[in-house]
Structure formats: structure tokens, C-alpha cells
Amino acid sequence: MWPFRTSVPAREHESCARRFAEVLERLDRCELALAEQHLQVLDVAEKVAERLTERIRKRKDGKAEDPPTPYHLILGRKVGS
């Protein structure tokens, strides 16, 4: 319960303003850390995608082909099983 209901608004009180600033700073640090983690995950995903693309090219003897359509992938799995 806020002890200064009518005389001092919560955001304008000195100690509250300090606490709000601390909380906002912590929130910014958390958001930055989370954004850095997302960037690291995206970087790893890009590296994996590049490696997989290289493997496909090596298997195809360097011939670049269009990736198979989802229909052909499903058909290949049904025939293979």
C-alpha cells in the first residue's frame, strides 16, 4: 500500500524513482542478455545450414540442384518405408 496516497505520486517520490531506475536498468540488462543469446543461436543455425549445404553439394559431385519439393520428400519416405 502506498503511504502517500494524495500528497506524493509514487513515481515522483525520490526513493521510488531510484528503485524504478534500478528495476528498469535490470530489465534492460536482461533484455540485452536474451537478445545476445538469440543472436548466438541464430549464428549457430546459420553455420549448421552452411555445413549441410556443403555436404549436399559434395554428395551431388558439385552439381547444384533445386531442393526437392515437400511432395517429393513425402513420396520418397513412403516408398522407402
PDB file of N, CA and C in Angstrom:
ATOM      1  N   MET A   1       0.844  -1.174   0.000  1.00  0.00           N
ATOM      2  CA  MET A   1       0.000   0.000   0.000  1.00  0.00           C
ATOM      3  C   MET A   1       0.885   1.231   0.000  1.00  0.00           C
ATOM      4  N   TRP A   2       0.582   2.175  -0.817  1.00  0.00           N
ATOM      5  CA  TRP A   2       1.370   3.402  -0.945  1.00  0.00           C
ATOM      6  C   TRP A   2       0.986   4.363   0.178  1.00  0.00           C
ATOM      7  N   PRO A   3       1.953   4.750   1.046  1.00  0.00           N
ATOM      8  CA  PRO A   3       1.611   5.573   2.205  1.00  0.00           C
ATOM      9  C   PRO A   3       1.268   7.019   1.837  1.00  0.00           C
ATOM     10  N   PHE A   4       1.671   7.496   0.675  1.00  0.00           N
ATOM     11  CA  PHE A   4       1.437   8.885   0.279  1.00  0.00           C
ATOM     12  C   PHE A   4       0.362   8.941  -0.799  1.00  0.00           C
ATOM     13  N   ARG A   5      -0.837   8.566  -0.474  1.00  0.00           N
ATOM     14  CA  ARG A   5      -1.899   8.452  -1.474  1.00  0.00           C
ATOM     15  C   ARG A   5      -2.160   9.741  -2.233  1.00  0.00           C
ATOM     16  N   THR A   6      -2.379  10.813  -1.555  1.00  0.00           N
ATOM     17  CA  THR A   6      -2.789  12.032  -2.249  1.00  0.00           C
ATOM     18  C   THR A   6      -1.682  13.064  -2.344  1.00  0.00           C
ATOM     19  N   SER A   7      -0.712  13.019  -1.464  1.00  0.00           N
ATOM     20  CA  SER A   7       0.280  14.086  -1.439  1.00  0.00           C
ATOM     21  C   SER A   7       1.411  13.883  -2.438  1.00  0.00           C
ATOM     22  N   VAL A   8       1.949  12.679  -2.565  1.00  0.00           N
ATOM     23  CA  VAL A   8       3.095  12.447  -3.449  1.00  0.00           C
ATOM     24  C   VAL A   8       2.821  11.232  -4.327  1.00  0.00           C
ATOM     25  N   PRO A   9       2.800  11.399  -5.645  1.00  0.00           N
ATOM     26  CA  PRO A   9       2.632  10.243  -6.534  1.00  0.00           C
ATOM     27  C   PRO A   9       3.838   9.302  -6.425  1.00  0.00           C
ATOM     28  N   ALA A  10       3.619   8.049  -6.632  1.00  0.00           N
ATOM     29  CA  ALA A  10       4.665   7.034  -6.439  1.00  0.00           C
ATOM     30  C   ALA A  10       5.884   7.285  -7.312  1.00  0.00           C
ATOM     31  N   ARG A  11       5.716   7.644  -8.555  1.00  0.00           N
ATOM     32  CA  ARG A  11       6.848   7.824  -9.465  1.00  0.00           C
ATOM     33  C   ARG A  11       7.658   9.072  -9.147  1.00  0.00           C
ATOM     34  N   GLU A  12       7.086  10.031  -8.479  1.00  0.00           N
ATOM     35  CA  GLU A  12       7.798  11.264  -8.187  1.00  0.00           C
ATOM     36  C   GLU A  12       8.495  11.236  -6.836  1.00  0.00           C
ATOM     37  N   HIS A  13       8.231  10.260  -6.032  1.00  0.00           N
ATOM     38  CA  HIS A  13       8.891  10.155  -4.736  1.00  0.00           C
ATOM     39  C   HIS A  13      10.342   9.743  -4.978  1.00  0.00           C
ATOM     40  N   GLU A  14      11.276  10.345  -4.263  1.00  0.00           N
ATOM     41  CA  GLU A  14      12.710  10.160  -4.515  1.00  0.00           C
ATOM     42  C   GLU A  14      13.155   8.707  -4.412  1.00  0.00           C
ATOM     43  N   SER A  15      12.795   8.024  -3.347  1.00  0.00           N
ATOM     44  CA  SER A  15      13.243   6.642  -3.180  1.00  0.00           C
ATOM     45  C   SER A  15      12.591   5.729  -4.210  1.00  0.00           C
ATOM     46  N   CYS A  16      11.361   6.017  -4.549  1.00  0.00           N
ATOM     47  CA  CYS A  16      10.671   5.207  -5.555  1.00  0.00           C
ATOM     48  C   CYS A  16      11.270   5.434  -6.938  1.00  0.00           C
ATOM     49  N   ALA A  17      11.611   6.671  -7.217  1.00  0.00           N
ATOM     50  CA  ALA A  17      12.225   6.966  -8.510  1.00  0.00           C
ATOM     51  C   ALA A  17      13.536   6.205  -8.655  1.00  0.00           C
ATOM     52  N   ARG A  18      14.309   6.145  -7.567  1.00  0.00           N
ATOM     53  CA  ARG A  18      15.569   5.403  -7.577  1.00  0.00           C
ATOM     54  C   ARG A  18      15.319   3.920  -7.831  1.00  0.00           C
ATOM     55  N   ARG A  19      14.328   3.366  -7.149  1.00  0.00           N
ATOM     56  CA  ARG A  19      14.001   1.940  -7.315  1.00  0.00           C
ATOM     57  C   ARG A  19      13.492   1.650  -8.718  1.00  0.00           C
ATOM     58  N   PHE A  20      12.661   2.565  -9.245  1.00  0.00           N
ATOM     59  CA  PHE A  20      12.190   2.386 -10.618  1.00  0.00           C
ATOM     60  C   PHE A  20      13.367   2.374 -11.588  1.00  0.00           C
ATOM     61  N   ALA A  21      14.329   3.252 -11.395  1.00  0.00           N
ATOM     62  CA  ALA A  21      15.507   3.303 -12.256  1.00  0.00           C
ATOM     63  C   ALA A  21      16.303   2.007 -12.164  1.00  0.00           C
ATOM     64  N   GLU A  22      16.450   1.475 -10.955  1.00  0.00           N
ATOM     65  CA  GLU A  22      17.166   0.213 -10.775  1.00  0.00           C
ATOM     66  C   GLU A  22      16.456  -0.928 -11.484  1.00  0.00           C
ATOM     67  N   VAL A  23      15.144  -0.967 -11.322  1.00  0.00           N
ATOM     68  CA  VAL A  23      14.370  -2.037 -11.959  1.00  0.00           C
ATOM     69  C   VAL A  23      14.455  -1.918 -13.488  1.00  0.00           C
ATOM     70  N   LEU A  24      14.346  -0.723 -14.016  1.00  0.00           N
ATOM     71  CA  LEU A  24      14.450  -0.536 -15.457  1.00  0.00           C
ATOM     72  C   LEU A  24      15.833  -0.918 -15.973  1.00  0.00           C
ATOM     73  N   GLU A  25      16.867  -0.620 -15.194  1.00  0.00           N
ATOM     74  CA  GLU A  25      18.228  -0.989 -15.588  1.00  0.00           C
ATOM     75  C   GLU A  25      18.381  -2.508 -15.618  1.00  0.00           C
ATOM     76  N   ARG A  26      17.849  -3.182 -14.605  1.00  0.00           N
ATOM     77  CA  ARG A  26      17.904  -4.645 -14.581  1.00  0.00           C
ATOM     78  C   ARG A  26      17.150  -5.237 -15.759  1.00  0.00           C
ATOM     79  N   LEU A  27      16.011  -4.667 -16.067  1.00  0.00           N
ATOM     80  CA  LEU A  27      15.212  -5.136 -17.188  1.00  0.00           C
ATOM     81  C   LEU A  27      15.978  -4.979 -18.498  1.00  0.00           C
ATOM     82  N   ASP A  28      16.642  -3.842 -18.670  1.00  0.00           N
ATOM     83  CA  ASP A  28      17.447  -3.629 -19.876  1.00  0.00           C
ATOM     84  C   ASP A  28      18.565  -4.656 -19.980  1.00  0.00           C
ATOM     85  N   ARG A  29      19.236  -4.945 -18.858  1.00  0.00           N
ATOM     86  CA  ARG A  29      20.311  -5.936 -18.873  1.00  0.00           C
ATOM     87  C   ARG A  29      19.774  -7.316 -19.232  1.00  0.00           C
ATOM     88  N   CYS A  30      18.610  -7.665 -18.691  1.00  0.00           N
ATOM     89  CA  CYS A  30      18.013  -8.970 -19.005  1.00  0.00           C
ATOM     90  C   CYS A  30      17.637  -9.058 -20.476  1.00  0.00           C
ATOM     91  N   GLU A  31      17.061  -7.985 -21.002  1.00  0.00           N
ATOM     92  CA  GLU A  31      16.677  -7.973 -22.406  1.00  0.00           C
ATOM     93  C   GLU A  31      17.906  -8.066 -23.306  1.00  0.00           C
ATOM     94  N   LEU A  32      18.980  -7.387 -22.937  1.00  0.00           N
ATOM     95  CA  LEU A  32      20.204  -7.465 -23.726  1.00  0.00           C
ATOM     96  C   LEU A  32      20.785  -8.871 -23.693  1.00  0.00           C
ATOM     97  N   ALA A  33      20.788  -9.489 -22.525  1.00  0.00           N
ATOM     98  CA  ALA A  33      21.310 -10.851 -22.414  1.00  0.00           C
ATOM     99  C   ALA A  33      20.490 -11.811 -23.264  1.00  0.00           C
ATOM    100  N   LEU A  34      19.188 -11.649 -23.232  1.00  0.00           N
ATOM    101  CA  LEU A  34      18.315 -12.507 -24.022  1.00  0.00           C
ATOM    102  C   LEU A  34      18.543 -12.288 -25.515  1.00  0.00           C
ATOM    103  N   ALA A  35      18.702 -11.046 -25.919  1.00  0.00           N
ATOM    104  CA  ALA A  35      18.960 -10.749 -27.328  1.00  0.00           C
ATOM    105  C   ALA A  35      20.296 -11.333 -27.769  1.00  0.00           C
ATOM    106  N   GLU A  36      21.304 -11.278 -26.908  1.00  0.00           N
ATOM    107  CA  GLU A  36      22.599 -11.870 -27.235  1.00  0.00           C
ATOM    108  C   GLU A  36      22.482 -13.381 -27.401  1.00  0.00           C
ATOM    109  N   GLN A  37      21.696 -14.018 -26.559  1.00  0.00           N
ATOM    110  CA  GLN A  37      21.501 -15.462 -26.690  1.00  0.00           C
ATOM    111  C   GLN A  37      20.815 -15.800 -28.004  1.00  0.00           C
ATOM    112  N   HIS A  38      19.816 -15.005 -28.376  1.00  0.00           N
ATOM    113  CA  HIS A  38      19.126 -15.243 -29.646  1.00  0.00           C
ATOM    114  C   HIS A  38      20.086 -15.089 -30.817  1.00  0.00           C
ATOM    115  N   LEU A  39      20.945 -14.089 -30.762  1.00  0.00           N
ATOM    116  CA  LEU A  39      21.914 -13.889 -31.834  1.00  0.00           C
ATOM    117  C   LEU A  39      22.899 -15.049 -31.910  1.00  0.00           C
ATOM    118  N   GLN A  40      23.311 -15.577 -30.763  1.00  0.00           N
ATOM    119  CA  GLN A  40      24.213 -16.721 -30.764  1.00  0.00           C
ATOM    120  C   GLN A  40      23.540 -17.941 -31.371  1.00  0.00           C
ATOM    121  N   VAL A  41      22.279 -18.161 -31.033  1.00  0.00           N
ATOM    122  CA  VAL A  41      21.541 -19.293 -31.593  1.00  0.00           C
ATOM    123  C   VAL A  41      21.397 -19.126 -33.099  1.00  0.00           C
ATOM    124  N   LEU A  42      21.077 -17.924 -33.553  1.00  0.00           N
ATOM    125  CA  LEU A  42      20.948 -17.692 -34.984  1.00  0.00           C
ATOM    126  C   LEU A  42      22.278 -17.903 -35.701  1.00  0.00           C
ATOM    127  N   ASP A  43      23.366 -17.497 -35.079  1.00  0.00           N
ATOM    128  CA  ASP A  43      24.691 -17.689 -35.670  1.00  0.00           C
ATOM    129  C   ASP A  43      25.004 -19.172 -35.822  1.00  0.00           C
ATOM    130  N   VAL A  44      24.731 -19.957 -34.785  1.00  0.00           N
ATOM    131  CA  VAL A  44      24.962 -21.399 -34.849  1.00  0.00           C
ATOM    132  C   VAL A  44      24.075 -22.029 -35.918  1.00  0.00           C
ATOM    133  N   ALA A  45      22.826 -21.596 -35.998  1.00  0.00           N
ATOM    134  CA  ALA A  45      21.908 -22.145 -37.004  1.00  0.00           C
ATOM    135  C   ALA A  45      22.401 -21.842 -38.419  1.00  0.00           C
ATOM    136  N   GLU A  46      22.929 -20.645 -38.642  1.00  0.00           N
ATOM    137  CA  GLU A  46      23.463 -20.305 -39.960  1.00  0.00           C
ATOM    138  C   GLU A  46      24.665 -21.174 -40.304  1.00  0.00           C
ATOM    139  N   LYS A  47      25.546 -21.416 -39.333  1.00  0.00           N
ATOM    140  CA  LYS A  47      26.710 -22.269 -39.567  1.00  0.00           C
ATOM    141  C   LYS A  47      26.297 -23.694 -39.907  1.00  0.00           C
ATOM    142  N   VAL A  48      25.302 -24.208 -39.178  1.00  0.00           N
ATOM    143  CA  VAL A  48      24.812 -25.557 -39.452  1.00  0.00           C
ATOM    144  C   VAL A  48      24.206 -25.624 -40.848  1.00  0.00           C
ATOM    145  N   ALA A  49      23.445 -24.619 -41.221  1.00  0.00           N
ATOM    146  CA  ALA A  49      22.836 -24.600 -42.557  1.00  0.00           C
ATOM    147  C   ALA A  49      23.906 -24.575 -43.643  1.00  0.00           C
ATOM    148  N   GLU A  50      24.969 -23.801 -43.427  1.00  0.00           N
ATOM    149  CA  GLU A  50      26.054 -23.762 -44.415  1.00  0.00           C
ATOM    150  C   GLU A  50      26.743 -25.115 -44.532  1.00  0.00           C
ATOM    151  N   ARG A  51      26.997 -25.761 -43.405  1.00  0.00           N
ATOM    152  CA  ARG A  51      27.646 -27.077 -43.436  1.00  0.00           C
ATOM    153  C   ARG A  51      26.775 -28.115 -44.132  1.00  0.00           C
ATOM    154  N   LEU A  52      25.483 -28.079 -43.857  1.00  0.00           N
ATOM    155  CA  LEU A  52      24.586 -29.024 -44.519  1.00  0.00           C
ATOM    156  C   LEU A  52      24.544 -28.781 -46.017  1.00  0.00           C
ATOM    157  N   THR A  53      24.559 -27.521 -46.412  1.00  0.00           N
ATOM    158  CA  THR A  53      24.572 -27.192 -47.840  1.00  0.00           C
ATOM    159  C   THR A  53      25.850 -27.705 -48.496  1.00  0.00           C
ATOM    160  N   GLU A  54      26.980 -27.565 -47.804  1.00  0.00           N
ATOM    161  CA  GLU A  54      28.246 -28.077 -48.338  1.00  0.00           C
ATOM    162  C   GLU A  54      28.205 -29.594 -48.486  1.00  0.00           C
ATOM    163  N   ARG A  55      27.651 -30.281 -47.489  1.00  0.00           N
ATOM    164  CA  ARG A  55      27.551 -31.742 -47.575  1.00  0.00           C
ATOM    165  C   ARG A  55      26.698 -32.175 -48.755  1.00  0.00           C
ATOM    166  N   ILE A  56      25.589 -31.484 -48.969  1.00  0.00           N
ATOM    167  CA  ILE A  56      24.717 -31.828 -50.095  1.00  0.00           C
ATOM    168  C   ILE A  56      25.463 -31.625 -51.403  1.00  0.00           C
ATOM    169  N   ARG A  57      26.205 -30.531 -51.509  1.00  0.00           N
ATOM    170  CA  ARG A  57      26.968 -30.277 -52.736  1.00  0.00           C
ATOM    171  C   ARG A  57      28.021 -31.341 -52.958  1.00  0.00           C
ATOM    172  N   LYS A  58      28.705 -31.774 -51.895  1.00  0.00           N
ATOM    173  CA  LYS A  58      29.729 -32.809 -52.038  1.00  0.00           C
ATOM    174  C   LYS A  58      29.122 -34.128 -52.482  1.00  0.00           C
ATOM    175  N   ARG A  59      27.964 -34.461 -51.952  1.00  0.00           N
ATOM    176  CA  ARG A  59      27.301 -35.719 -52.336  1.00  0.00           C
ATOM    177  C   ARG A  59      26.834 -35.686 -53.781  1.00  0.00           C
ATOM    178  N   LYS A  60      26.471 -34.538 -54.262  1.00  0.00           N
ATOM    179  CA  LYS A  60      25.965 -34.407 -55.626  1.00  0.00           C
ATOM    180  C   LYS A  60      27.088 -34.128 -56.622  1.00  0.00           C
ATOM    181  N   ASP A  61      28.349 -34.289 -56.186  1.00  0.00           N
ATOM    182  CA  ASP A  61      29.522 -34.027 -57.028  1.00  0.00           C
ATOM    183  C   ASP A  61      29.570 -32.602 -57.518  1.00  0.00           C
ATOM    184  N   GLY A  62      29.171 -31.700 -56.672  1.00  0.00           N
ATOM    185  CA  GLY A  62      29.265 -30.282 -57.008  1.00  0.00           C
ATOM    186  C   GLY A  62      28.141 -29.775 -57.882  1.00  0.00           C
ATOM    187  N   LYS A  63      27.215 -30.631 -58.238  1.00  0.00           N
ATOM    188  CA  LYS A  63      26.090 -30.197 -59.067  1.00  0.00           C
ATOM    189  C   LYS A  63      25.039 -29.549 -58.174  1.00  0.00           C
ATOM    190  N   ALA A  64      24.783 -28.299 -58.411  1.00  0.00           N
ATOM    191  CA  ALA A  64      23.769 -27.601 -57.629  1.00  0.00           C
ATOM    192  C   ALA A  64      22.397 -27.849 -58.249  1.00  0.00           C
ATOM    193  N   GLU A  65      21.517 -28.442 -57.483  1.00  0.00           N
ATOM    194  CA  GLU A  65      20.160 -28.708 -57.954  1.00  0.00           C
ATOM    195  C   GLU A  65      19.171 -27.982 -57.064  1.00  0.00           C
ATOM    196  N   ASP A  66      17.975 -27.849 -57.570  1.00  0.00           N
ATOM    197  CA  ASP A  66      16.920 -27.252 -56.762  1.00  0.00           C
ATOM    198  C   ASP A  66      16.572 -28.207 -55.625  1.00  0.00           C
ATOM    199  N   PRO A  67      16.265 -27.683 -54.464  1.00  0.00           N
ATOM    200  CA  PRO A  67      15.876 -28.577 -53.363  1.00  0.00           C
ATOM    201  C   PRO A  67      14.566 -29.271 -53.709  1.00  0.00           C
ATOM    202  N   PRO A  68      14.408 -30.505 -53.240  1.00  0.00           N
ATOM    203  CA  PRO A  68      13.172 -31.229 -53.573  1.00  0.00           C
ATOM    204  C   PRO A  68      11.949 -30.575 -52.943  1.00  0.00           C
ATOM    205  N   THR A  69      10.850 -30.735 -53.610  1.00  0.00           N
ATOM    206  CA  THR A  69       9.606 -30.177 -53.095  1.00  0.00           C
ATOM    207  C   THR A  69       9.102 -31.052 -51.946  1.00  0.00           C
ATOM    208  N   PRO A  70       8.260 -30.511 -51.099  1.00  0.00           N
ATOM    209  CA  PRO A  70       7.712 -31.327 -49.997  1.00  0.00           C
ATOM    210  C   PRO A  70       6.996 -32.579 -50.498  1.00  0.00           C
ATOM    211  N   TYR A  71       6.367 -32.481 -51.662  1.00  0.00           N
ATOM    212  CA  TYR A  71       5.677 -33.644 -52.230  1.00  0.00           C
ATOM    213  C   TYR A  71       6.666 -34.770 -52.496  1.00  0.00           C
ATOM    214  N   HIS A  72       7.808 -34.439 -53.096  1.00  0.00           N
ATOM    215  CA  HIS A  72       8.804 -35.458 -53.406  1.00  0.00           C
ATOM    216  C   HIS A  72       9.434 -36.036 -52.133  1.00  0.00           C
ATOM    217  N   LEU A  73       9.601 -35.229 -51.107  1.00  0.00           N
ATOM    218  CA  LEU A  73      10.138 -35.738 -49.853  1.00  0.00           C
ATOM    219  C   LEU A  73       9.193 -36.754 -49.215  1.00  0.00           C
ATOM    220  N   ILE A  74       7.909 -36.431 -49.202  1.00  0.00           N
ATOM    221  CA  ILE A  74       6.913 -37.337 -48.611  1.00  0.00           C
ATOM    222  C   ILE A  74       6.815 -38.613 -49.438  1.00  0.00           C
ATOM    223  N   LEU A  75       6.828 -38.478 -50.741  1.00  0.00           N
ATOM    224  CA  LEU A  75       6.753 -39.633 -51.626  1.00  0.00           C
ATOM    225  C   LEU A  75       7.965 -40.533 -51.422  1.00  0.00           C
ATOM    226  N   GLY A  76       9.141 -39.946 -51.271  1.00  0.00           N
ATOM    227  CA  GLY A  76      10.352 -40.734 -51.050  1.00  0.00           C
ATOM    228  C   GLY A  76      10.318 -41.472 -49.721  1.00  0.00           C
ATOM    229  N   ARG A  77       9.765 -40.853 -48.701  1.00  0.00           N
ATOM    230  CA  ARG A  77       9.663 -41.511 -47.405  1.00  0.00           C
ATOM    231  C   ARG A  77       8.668 -42.655 -47.435  1.00  0.00           C
ATOM    232  N   LYS A  78       7.561 -42.475 -48.169  1.00  0.00           N
ATOM    233  CA  LYS A  78       6.567 -43.546 -48.246  1.00  0.00           C
ATOM    234  C   LYS A  78       7.122 -44.733 -49.001  1.00  0.00           C
ATOM    235  N   VAL A  79       7.851 -44.472 -50.069  1.00  0.00           N
ATOM    236  CA  VAL A  79       8.413 -45.559 -50.864  1.00  0.00           C
ATOM    237  C   VAL A  79       9.526 -46.260 -50.084  1.00  0.00           C
ATOM    238  N   GLY A  80      10.310 -45.503 -49.331  1.00  0.00           N
ATOM    239  CA  GLY A  80      11.429 -46.062 -48.577  1.00  0.00           C
ATOM    240  C   GLY A  80      10.995 -46.910 -47.394  1.00  0.00           C
ATOM    241  N   SER A  81       9.813 -46.695 -46.877  1.00  0.00           N
ATOM    242  CA  SER A  81       9.398 -47.451 -45.690  1.00  0.00           C
ATOM    243  C   SER A  81       8.561 -48.644 -46.002  1.00  0.00           C
TER     244      SER A  81
END
